[in-house]
Amino acid sequence: MKFQILVFLLLLACMYPSVAQGSYENCCLKYIVGVRKSMRRNIKSYRVQETDGGCNIRAIVLKLKRKTLCADPRQQWVQQLMQQIDKKNTGTM
């Protein structure tokens, strides 16, 4: 019985780092400076990243078809882009 508990604890200890690393995968680590106008049209949606949990910076995560970009929410162009995306997604242009 003691051997089974020891194996179980060892298994948990090995799994813990991999679970902890998974929480950092979707976090932005730095901001982009700007987005070309041609790329702005291809942005499908965005989400707000808060500084809770494992993420260190507050960011706007812009979702394109095949990649994501991280922008500073304090920048004026980012706020305007968010408004444009909201208008486009609600259909009121």
PDB file of N, CA and C in Angstrom:
ATOM      1  N   MET A   1       0.822  -1.200   0.000  1.00  0.00           N
ATOM      2  CA  MET A   1       0.000   0.000   0.000  1.00  0.00           C
ATOM      3  C   MET A   1       0.868   1.267   0.000  1.00  0.00           C
ATOM      4  N   LYS A   2       1.935   1.249   0.799  1.00  0.00           N
ATOM      5  CA  LYS A   2       2.821   2.404   0.852  1.00  0.00           C
ATOM      6  C   LYS A   2       3.488   2.641  -0.491  1.00  0.00           C
ATOM      7  N   PHE A   3       3.826   1.563  -1.191  1.00  0.00           N
ATOM      8  CA  PHE A   3       4.460   1.696  -2.501  1.00  0.00           C
ATOM      9  C   PHE A   3       3.515   2.361  -3.501  1.00  0.00           C
ATOM     10  N   GLN A   4       2.244   2.023  -3.460  1.00  0.00           N
ATOM     11  CA  GLN A   4       1.267   2.615  -4.370  1.00  0.00           C
ATOM     12  C   GLN A   4       1.099   4.111  -4.101  1.00  0.00           C
ATOM     13  N   ILE A   5       1.081   4.491  -2.863  1.00  0.00           N
ATOM     14  CA  ILE A   5       0.975   5.908  -2.503  1.00  0.00           C
ATOM     15  C   ILE A   5       2.223   6.656  -2.963  1.00  0.00           C
ATOM     16  N   LEU A   6       3.381   6.044  -2.796  1.00  0.00           N
ATOM     17  CA  LEU A   6       4.630   6.667  -3.232  1.00  0.00           C
ATOM     18  C   LEU A   6       4.642   6.864  -4.746  1.00  0.00           C
ATOM     19  N   VAL A   7       4.200   5.876  -5.497  1.00  0.00           N
ATOM     20  CA  VAL A   7       4.144   5.984  -6.953  1.00  0.00           C
ATOM     21  C   VAL A   7       3.145   7.066  -7.361  1.00  0.00           C
ATOM     22  N   PHE A   8       2.019   7.125  -6.690  1.00  0.00           N
ATOM     23  CA  PHE A   8       1.006   8.134  -6.987  1.00  0.00           C
ATOM     24  C   PHE A   8       1.540   9.536  -6.726  1.00  0.00           C
ATOM     25  N   LEU A   9       2.211   9.748  -5.616  1.00  0.00           N
ATOM     26  CA  LEU A   9       2.788  11.055  -5.306  1.00  0.00           C
ATOM     27  C   LEU A   9       3.887  11.436  -6.294  1.00  0.00           C
ATOM     28  N   LEU A  10       4.673  10.461  -6.700  1.00  0.00           N
ATOM     29  CA  LEU A  10       5.713  10.716  -7.688  1.00  0.00           C
ATOM     30  C   LEU A  10       5.098  11.108  -9.028  1.00  0.00           C
ATOM     31  N   LEU A  11       4.032  10.451  -9.404  1.00  0.00           N
ATOM     32  CA  LEU A  11       3.327  10.790 -10.641  1.00  0.00           C
ATOM     33  C   LEU A  11       2.758  12.204 -10.582  1.00  0.00           C
ATOM     34  N   LEU A  12       2.163  12.575  -9.468  1.00  0.00           N
ATOM     35  CA  LEU A  12       1.642  13.934  -9.309  1.00  0.00           C
ATOM     36  C   LEU A  12       2.753  14.972  -9.373  1.00  0.00           C
ATOM     37  N   ALA A  13       3.886  14.671  -8.762  1.00  0.00           N
ATOM     38  CA  ALA A  13       5.014  15.603  -8.772  1.00  0.00           C
ATOM     39  C   ALA A  13       5.545  15.806 -10.196  1.00  0.00           C
ATOM     40  N   CYS A  14       5.508  14.762 -11.004  1.00  0.00           N
ATOM     41  CA  CYS A  14       5.972  14.876 -12.390  1.00  0.00           C
ATOM     42  C   CYS A  14       4.972  15.630 -13.256  1.00  0.00           C
ATOM     43  N   MET A  15       3.692  15.515 -12.957  1.00  0.00           N
ATOM     44  CA  MET A  15       2.659  16.172 -13.756  1.00  0.00           C
ATOM     45  C   MET A  15       2.525  17.651 -13.425  1.00  0.00           C
ATOM     46  N   TYR A  16       2.851  18.067 -12.226  1.00  0.00           N
ATOM     47  CA  TYR A  16       2.655  19.446 -11.793  1.00  0.00           C
ATOM     48  C   TYR A  16       3.349  20.477 -12.687  1.00  0.00           C
ATOM     49  N   PRO A  17       4.631  20.308 -13.043  1.00  0.00           N
ATOM     50  CA  PRO A  17       5.263  21.325 -13.916  1.00  0.00           C
ATOM     51  C   PRO A  17       4.595  21.449 -15.284  1.00  0.00           C
ATOM     52  N   SER A  18       4.143  20.361 -15.846  1.00  0.00           N
ATOM     53  CA  SER A  18       3.504  20.445 -17.158  1.00  0.00           C
ATOM     54  C   SER A  18       2.166  21.157 -17.079  1.00  0.00           C
ATOM     55  N   VAL A  19       1.443  21.006 -16.005  1.00  0.00           N
ATOM     56  CA  VAL A  19       0.174  21.716 -15.825  1.00  0.00           C
ATOM     57  C   VAL A  19       0.431  23.202 -15.600  1.00  0.00           C
ATOM     58  N   ALA A  20       1.448  23.531 -14.838  1.00  0.00           N
ATOM     59  CA  ALA A  20       1.777  24.925 -14.566  1.00  0.00           C
ATOM     60  C   ALA A  20       2.235  25.628 -15.838  1.00  0.00           C
ATOM     61  N   GLN A  21       2.984  24.958 -16.692  1.00  0.00           N
ATOM     62  CA  GLN A  21       3.434  25.580 -17.929  1.00  0.00           C
ATOM     63  C   GLN A  21       2.278  25.849 -18.867  1.00  0.00           C
ATOM     64  N   GLY A  22       1.277  25.010 -18.865  1.00  0.00           N
ATOM     65  CA  GLY A  22       0.140  25.177 -19.750  1.00  0.00           C
ATOM     66  C   GLY A  22      -0.618  26.462 -19.498  1.00  0.00           C
ATOM     67  N   SER A  23      -0.573  26.998 -18.299  1.00  0.00           N
ATOM     68  CA  SER A  23      -1.310  28.221 -17.999  1.00  0.00           C
ATOM     69  C   SER A  23      -0.670  29.449 -18.642  1.00  0.00           C
ATOM     70  N   TYR A  24       0.593  29.358 -19.056  1.00  0.00           N
ATOM     71  CA  TYR A  24       1.277  30.503 -19.646  1.00  0.00           C
ATOM     72  C   TYR A  24       1.231  30.516 -21.172  1.00  0.00           C
ATOM     73  N   GLU A  25       0.678  29.492 -21.784  1.00  0.00           N
ATOM     74  CA  GLU A  25       0.709  29.387 -23.235  1.00  0.00           C
ATOM     75  C   GLU A  25      -0.033  30.506 -23.941  1.00  0.00           C
ATOM     76  N   ASN A  26      -1.167  30.940 -23.432  1.00  0.00           N
ATOM     77  CA  ASN A  26      -2.000  31.902 -24.133  1.00  0.00           C
ATOM     78  C   ASN A  26      -1.805  33.331 -23.652  1.00  0.00           C
ATOM     79  N   CYS A  27      -0.748  33.606 -22.956  1.00  0.00           N
ATOM     80  CA  CYS A  27      -0.511  34.947 -22.439  1.00  0.00           C
ATOM     81  C   CYS A  27       0.374  35.757 -23.381  1.00  0.00           C
ATOM     82  N   CYS A  28       0.039  37.022 -23.492  1.00  0.00           N
ATOM     83  CA  CYS A  28       0.888  37.958 -24.238  1.00  0.00           C
ATOM     84  C   CYS A  28       2.054  38.362 -23.354  1.00  0.00           C
ATOM     85  N   LEU A  29       3.229  38.415 -23.948  1.00  0.00           N
ATOM     86  CA  LEU A  29       4.412  38.808 -23.200  1.00  0.00           C
ATOM     87  C   LEU A  29       4.912  40.194 -23.594  1.00  0.00           C
ATOM     88  N   LYS A  30       4.517  40.655 -24.796  1.00  0.00           N
ATOM     89  CA  LYS A  30       4.903  41.994 -25.246  1.00  0.00           C
ATOM     90  C   LYS A  30       3.872  42.479 -26.247  1.00  0.00           C
ATOM     91  N   TYR A  31       3.931  43.785 -26.534  1.00  0.00           N
ATOM     92  CA  TYR A  31       2.983  44.424 -27.441  1.00  0.00           C
ATOM     93  C   TYR A  31       3.581  44.614 -28.830  1.00  0.00           C
ATOM     94  N   ILE A  32       2.706  44.653 -29.835  1.00  0.00           N
ATOM     95  CA  ILE A  32       3.132  45.068 -31.164  1.00  0.00           C
ATOM     96  C   ILE A  32       3.052  46.591 -31.220  1.00  0.00           C
ATOM     97  N   VAL A  33       3.791  47.190 -32.140  1.00  0.00           N
ATOM     98  CA  VAL A  33       3.806  48.643 -32.257  1.00  0.00           C
ATOM     99  C   VAL A  33       2.617  49.137 -33.060  1.00  0.00           C
ATOM    100  N   GLY A  34       2.295  48.438 -34.125  1.00  0.00           N
ATOM    101  CA  GLY A  34       1.189  48.838 -34.975  1.00  0.00           C
ATOM    102  C   GLY A  34       0.792  47.714 -35.909  1.00  0.00           C
ATOM    103  N   VAL A  35      -0.334  47.910 -36.596  1.00  0.00           N
ATOM    104  CA  VAL A  35      -0.834  46.930 -37.542  1.00  0.00           C
ATOM    105  C   VAL A  35      -1.092  47.646 -38.864  1.00  0.00           C
ATOM    106  N   ARG A  36      -0.613  47.059 -39.949  1.00  0.00           N
ATOM    107  CA  ARG A  36      -0.857  47.644 -41.273  1.00  0.00           C
ATOM    108  C   ARG A  36      -2.357  47.651 -41.568  1.00  0.00           C
ATOM    109  N   LYS A  37      -2.773  48.588 -42.396  1.00  0.00           N
ATOM    110  CA  LYS A  37      -4.198  48.699 -42.740  1.00  0.00           C
ATOM    111  C   LYS A  37      -4.705  47.438 -43.411  1.00  0.00           C
ATOM    112  N   SER A  38      -3.881  46.809 -44.213  1.00  0.00           N
ATOM    113  CA  SER A  38      -4.308  45.574 -44.885  1.00  0.00           C
ATOM    114  C   SER A  38      -4.558  44.455 -43.876  1.00  0.00           C
ATOM    115  N   MET A  39      -3.798  44.431 -42.798  1.00  0.00           N
ATOM    116  CA  MET A  39      -4.004  43.412 -41.763  1.00  0.00           C
ATOM    117  C   MET A  39      -5.207  43.738 -40.886  1.00  0.00           C
ATOM    118  N   ARG A  40      -5.487  45.017 -40.701  1.00  0.00           N
ATOM    119  CA  ARG A  40      -6.614  45.412 -39.854  1.00  0.00           C
ATOM    120  C   ARG A  40      -7.931  44.865 -40.382  1.00  0.00           C
ATOM    121  N   ARG A  41      -8.047  44.781 -41.699  1.00  0.00           N
ATOM    122  CA  ARG A  41      -9.284  44.256 -42.295  1.00  0.00           C
ATOM    123  C   ARG A  41      -9.453  42.763 -42.038  1.00  0.00           C
ATOM    124  N   ASN A  42      -8.364  42.063 -41.769  1.00  0.00           N
ATOM    125  CA  ASN A  42      -8.413  40.616 -41.560  1.00  0.00           C
ATOM    126  C   ASN A  42      -8.608  40.208 -40.105  1.00  0.00           C
ATOM    127  N   ILE A  43      -8.692  41.175 -39.211  1.00  0.00           N
ATOM    128  CA  ILE A  43      -8.892  40.845 -37.797  1.00  0.00           C
ATOM    129  C   ILE A  43     -10.337  40.421 -37.596  1.00  0.00           C
ATOM    130  N   LYS A  44     -10.520  39.216 -37.066  1.00  0.00           N
ATOM    131  CA  LYS A  44     -11.860  38.647 -36.896  1.00  0.00           C
ATOM    132  C   LYS A  44     -12.486  39.047 -35.565  1.00  0.00           C
ATOM    133  N   SER A  45     -11.684  39.037 -34.507  1.00  0.00           N
ATOM    134  CA  SER A  45     -12.209  39.350 -33.174  1.00  0.00           C
ATOM    135  C   SER A  45     -11.045  39.717 -32.261  1.00  0.00           C
ATOM    136  N   TYR A  46     -11.379  40.012 -31.043  1.00  0.00           N
ATOM    137  CA  TYR A  46     -10.362  40.306 -30.034  1.00  0.00           C
ATOM    138  C   TYR A  46     -10.866  39.838 -28.681  1.00  0.00           C
ATOM    139  N   ARG A  47      -9.932  39.726 -27.761  1.00  0.00           N
ATOM    140  CA  ARG A  47     -10.285  39.443 -26.368  1.00  0.00           C
ATOM    141  C   ARG A  47      -9.363  40.256 -25.473  1.00  0.00           C
ATOM    142  N   VAL A  48      -9.816  40.501 -24.269  1.00  0.00           N
ATOM    143  CA  VAL A  48      -9.035  41.276 -23.311  1.00  0.00           C
ATOM    144  C   VAL A  48      -8.294  40.308 -22.396  1.00  0.00           C
ATOM    145  N   GLN A  49      -7.000  40.494 -22.288  1.00  0.00           N
ATOM    146  CA  GLN A  49      -6.187  39.709 -21.357  1.00  0.00           C
ATOM    147  C   GLN A  49      -5.946  40.551 -20.113  1.00  0.00           C
ATOM    148  N   GLU A  50      -6.376  40.067 -18.993  1.00  0.00           N
ATOM    149  CA  GLU A  50      -6.166  40.765 -17.722  1.00  0.00           C
ATOM    150  C   GLU A  50      -4.896  40.251 -17.056  1.00  0.00           C
ATOM    151  N   THR A  51      -4.468  40.924 -16.007  1.00  0.00           N
ATOM    152  CA  THR A  51      -3.242  40.544 -15.311  1.00  0.00           C
ATOM    153  C   THR A  51      -3.488  39.540 -14.200  1.00  0.00           C
ATOM    154  N   ASP A  52      -4.619  38.887 -14.216  1.00  0.00           N
ATOM    155  CA  ASP A  52      -4.879  37.872 -13.199  1.00  0.00           C
ATOM    156  C   ASP A  52      -4.306  36.530 -13.654  1.00  0.00           C
ATOM    157  N   GLY A  53      -4.169  35.618 -12.733  1.00  0.00           N
ATOM    158  CA  GLY A  53      -3.642  34.300 -13.092  1.00  0.00           C
ATOM    159  C   GLY A  53      -2.176  34.367 -13.451  1.00  0.00           C
ATOM    160  N   GLY A  54      -1.820  33.743 -14.567  1.00  0.00           N
ATOM    161  CA  GLY A  54      -0.423  33.660 -14.960  1.00  0.00           C
ATOM    162  C   GLY A  54       0.025  34.736 -15.915  1.00  0.00           C
ATOM    163  N   CYS A  55      -0.859  35.604 -16.359  1.00  0.00           N
ATOM    164  CA  CYS A  55      -0.496  36.638 -17.333  1.00  0.00           C
ATOM    165  C   CYS A  55       0.009  37.885 -16.621  1.00  0.00           C
ATOM    166  N   ASN A  56       1.130  38.417 -17.116  1.00  0.00           N
ATOM    167  CA  ASN A  56       1.785  39.532 -16.426  1.00  0.00           C
ATOM    168  C   ASN A  56       1.384  40.915 -16.920  1.00  0.00           C
ATOM    169  N   ILE A  57       0.864  41.013 -18.146  1.00  0.00           N
ATOM    170  CA  ILE A  57       0.521  42.325 -18.681  1.00  0.00           C
ATOM    171  C   ILE A  57      -0.930  42.329 -19.155  1.00  0.00           C
ATOM    172  N   ARG A  58      -1.545  43.501 -19.089  1.00  0.00           N
ATOM    173  CA  ARG A  58      -2.890  43.672 -19.635  1.00  0.00           C
ATOM    174  C   ARG A  58      -2.729  43.934 -21.125  1.00  0.00           C
ATOM    175  N   ALA A  59      -3.505  43.219 -21.944  1.00  0.00           N
ATOM    176  CA  ALA A  59      -3.347  43.342 -23.388  1.00  0.00           C
ATOM    177  C   ALA A  59      -4.665  43.073 -24.096  1.00  0.00           C
ATOM    178  N   ILE A  60      -4.728  43.530 -25.339  1.00  0.00           N
ATOM    179  CA  ILE A  60      -5.813  43.184 -26.238  1.00  0.00           C
ATOM    180  C   ILE A  60      -5.239  42.171 -27.217  1.00  0.00           C
ATOM    181  N   VAL A  61      -5.827  40.982 -27.247  1.00  0.00           N
ATOM    182  CA  VAL A  61      -5.366  39.919 -28.126  1.00  0.00           C
ATOM    183  C   VAL A  61      -6.217  39.963 -29.390  1.00  0.00           C
ATOM    184  N   LEU A  62      -5.597  40.355 -30.489  1.00  0.00           N
ATOM    185  CA  LEU A  62      -6.284  40.473 -31.774  1.00  0.00           C
ATOM    186  C   LEU A  62      -6.178  39.139 -32.502  1.00  0.00           C
ATOM    187  N   LYS A  63      -7.317  38.605 -32.912  1.00  0.00           N
ATOM    188  CA  LYS A  63      -7.331  37.290 -33.549  1.00  0.00           C
ATOM    189  C   LYS A  63      -7.515  37.429 -35.051  1.00  0.00           C
ATOM    190  N   LEU A  64      -6.496  37.003 -35.787  1.00  0.00           N
ATOM    191  CA  LEU A  64      -6.568  36.921 -37.230  1.00  0.00           C
ATOM    192  C   LEU A  64      -6.912  35.481 -37.602  1.00  0.00           C
ATOM    193  N   LYS A  65      -6.936  35.195 -38.864  1.00  0.00           N
ATOM    194  CA  LYS A  65      -7.322  33.855 -39.310  1.00  0.00           C
ATOM    195  C   LYS A  65      -6.361  32.798 -38.786  1.00  0.00           C
ATOM    196  N   ARG A  66      -5.067  33.059 -38.867  1.00  0.00           N
ATOM    197  CA  ARG A  66      -4.081  32.039 -38.500  1.00  0.00           C
ATOM    198  C   ARG A  66      -3.146  32.422 -37.366  1.00  0.00           C
ATOM    199  N   LYS A  67      -3.248  33.621 -36.845  1.00  0.00           N
ATOM    200  CA  LYS A  67      -2.355  34.010 -35.760  1.00  0.00           C
ATOM    201  C   LYS A  67      -3.021  35.035 -34.860  1.00  0.00           C
ATOM    202  N   THR A  68      -2.370  35.319 -33.771  1.00  0.00           N
ATOM    203  CA  THR A  68      -2.862  36.319 -32.830  1.00  0.00           C
ATOM    204  C   THR A  68      -1.770  37.363 -32.619  1.00  0.00           C
ATOM    205  N   LEU A  69      -2.205  38.582 -32.360  1.00  0.00           N
ATOM    206  CA  LEU A  69      -1.307  39.696 -32.088  1.00  0.00           C
ATOM    207  C   LEU A  69      -1.700  40.309 -30.749  1.00  0.00           C
ATOM    208  N   CYS A  70      -0.734  40.827 -30.038  1.00  0.00           N
ATOM    209  CA  CYS A  70      -0.990  41.435 -28.738  1.00  0.00           C
ATOM    210  C   CYS A  70      -0.747  42.940 -28.820  1.00  0.00           C
ATOM    211  N   ALA A  71      -1.747  43.711 -28.393  1.00  0.00           N
ATOM    212  CA  ALA A  71      -1.655  45.162 -28.485  1.00  0.00           C
ATOM    213  C   ALA A  71      -1.887  45.798 -27.120  1.00  0.00           C
ATOM    214  N   ASP A  72      -1.333  46.984 -26.960  1.00  0.00           N
ATOM    215  CA  ASP A  72      -1.465  47.741 -25.720  1.00  0.00           C
ATOM    216  C   ASP A  72      -2.855  48.389 -25.673  1.00  0.00           C
ATOM    217  N   PRO A  73      -3.682  48.067 -24.674  1.00  0.00           N
ATOM    218  CA  PRO A  73      -5.034  48.623 -24.620  1.00  0.00           C
ATOM    219  C   PRO A  73      -5.070  50.131 -24.362  1.00  0.00           C
ATOM    220  N   ARG A  74      -3.969  50.726 -23.949  1.00  0.00           N
ATOM    221  CA  ARG A  74      -3.937  52.169 -23.694  1.00  0.00           C
ATOM    222  C   ARG A  74      -3.724  52.978 -24.964  1.00  0.00           C
ATOM    223  N   GLN A  75      -3.301  52.337 -26.034  1.00  0.00           N
ATOM    224  CA  GLN A  75      -3.046  53.032 -27.294  1.00  0.00           C
ATOM    225  C   GLN A  75      -4.357  53.420 -27.974  1.00  0.00           C
ATOM    226  N   GLN A  76      -4.381  54.608 -28.545  1.00  0.00           N
ATOM    227  CA  GLN A  76      -5.590  55.116 -29.200  1.00  0.00           C
ATOM    228  C   GLN A  76      -5.977  54.265 -30.400  1.00  0.00           C
ATOM    229  N   TRP A  77      -5.005  53.839 -31.206  1.00  0.00           N
ATOM    230  CA  TRP A  77      -5.327  53.048 -32.396  1.00  0.00           C
ATOM    231  C   TRP A  77      -5.936  51.701 -32.029  1.00  0.00           C
ATOM    232  N   VAL A  78      -5.547  51.167 -30.869  1.00  0.00           N
ATOM    233  CA  VAL A  78      -6.104  49.887 -30.423  1.00  0.00           C
ATOM    234  C   VAL A  78      -7.562  50.078 -30.014  1.00  0.00           C
ATOM    235  N   GLN A  79      -7.859  51.155 -29.311  1.00  0.00           N
ATOM    236  CA  GLN A  79      -9.242  51.432 -28.909  1.00  0.00           C
ATOM    237  C   GLN A  79     -10.135  51.666 -30.122  1.00  0.00           C
ATOM    238  N   GLN A  80      -9.618  52.386 -31.126  1.00  0.00           N
ATOM    239  CA  GLN A  80     -10.389  52.608 -32.349  1.00  0.00           C
ATOM    240  C   GLN A  80     -10.614  51.297 -33.097  1.00  0.00           C
ATOM    241  N   LEU A  81      -9.593  50.463 -33.127  1.00  0.00           N
ATOM    242  CA  LEU A  81      -9.715  49.173 -33.799  1.00  0.00           C
ATOM    243  C   LEU A  81     -10.743  48.278 -33.100  1.00  0.00           C
ATOM    244  N   MET A  82     -10.773  48.314 -31.789  1.00  0.00           N
ATOM    245  CA  MET A  82     -11.763  47.538 -31.036  1.00  0.00           C
ATOM    246  C   MET A  82     -13.182  48.008 -31.375  1.00  0.00           C
ATOM    247  N   GLN A  83     -13.368  49.315 -31.478  1.00  0.00           N
ATOM    248  CA  GLN A  83     -14.679  49.847 -31.840  1.00  0.00           C
ATOM    249  C   GLN A  83     -15.082  49.411 -33.251  1.00  0.00           C
ATOM    250  N   GLN A  84     -14.135  49.441 -34.181  1.00  0.00           N
ATOM    251  CA  GLN A  84     -14.432  49.006 -35.539  1.00  0.00           C
ATOM    252  C   GLN A  84     -14.811  47.521 -35.580  1.00  0.00           C
ATOM    253  N   ILE A  85     -14.111  46.701 -34.824  1.00  0.00           N
ATOM    254  CA  ILE A  85     -14.400  45.261 -34.785  1.00  0.00           C
ATOM    255  C   ILE A  85     -15.779  45.031 -34.175  1.00  0.00           C
ATOM    256  N   ASP A  86     -16.095  45.785 -33.115  1.00  0.00           N
ATOM    257  CA  ASP A  86     -17.431  45.650 -32.495  1.00  0.00           C
ATOM    258  C   ASP A  86     -18.533  46.017 -33.480  1.00  0.00           C
ATOM    259  N   LYS A  87     -18.321  47.095 -34.229  1.00  0.00           N
ATOM    260  CA  LYS A  87     -19.319  47.510 -35.224  1.00  0.00           C
ATOM    261  C   LYS A  87     -19.467  46.453 -36.317  1.00  0.00           C
ATOM    262  N   LYS A  88     -18.345  45.927 -36.777  1.00  0.00           N
ATOM    263  CA  LYS A  88     -18.362  44.930 -37.838  1.00  0.00           C
ATOM    264  C   LYS A  88     -19.058  43.649 -37.385  1.00  0.00           C
ATOM    265  N   ASN A  89     -18.818  43.246 -36.143  1.00  0.00           N
ATOM    266  CA  ASN A  89     -19.399  42.003 -35.636  1.00  0.00           C
ATOM    267  C   ASN A  89     -20.896  42.136 -35.300  1.00  0.00           C
ATOM    268  N   THR A  90     -21.327  43.352 -34.976  1.00  0.00           N
ATOM    269  CA  THR A  90     -22.753  43.542 -34.700  1.00  0.00           C
ATOM    270  C   THR A  90     -23.533  43.873 -35.962  1.00  0.00           C
ATOM    271  N   GLY A  91     -22.836  44.172 -37.049  1.00  0.00           N
ATOM    272  CA  GLY A  91     -23.487  44.433 -38.318  1.00  0.00           C
ATOM    273  C   GLY A  91     -23.945  45.871 -38.513  1.00  0.00           C
ATOM    274  N   THR A  92     -23.597  46.767 -37.607  1.00  0.00           N
ATOM    275  CA  THR A  92     -23.987  48.181 -37.733  1.00  0.00           C
ATOM    276  C   THR A  92     -22.789  48.985 -38.178  1.00  0.00           C
ATOM    277  N   MET A  93     -22.612  49.123 -39.439  1.00  0.00           N
ATOM    278  CA  MET A  93     -21.472  49.878 -39.946  1.00  0.00           C
ATOM    279  C   MET A  93     -21.868  51.162 -40.449  1.00  0.00           C
TER     280      MET A  93
END
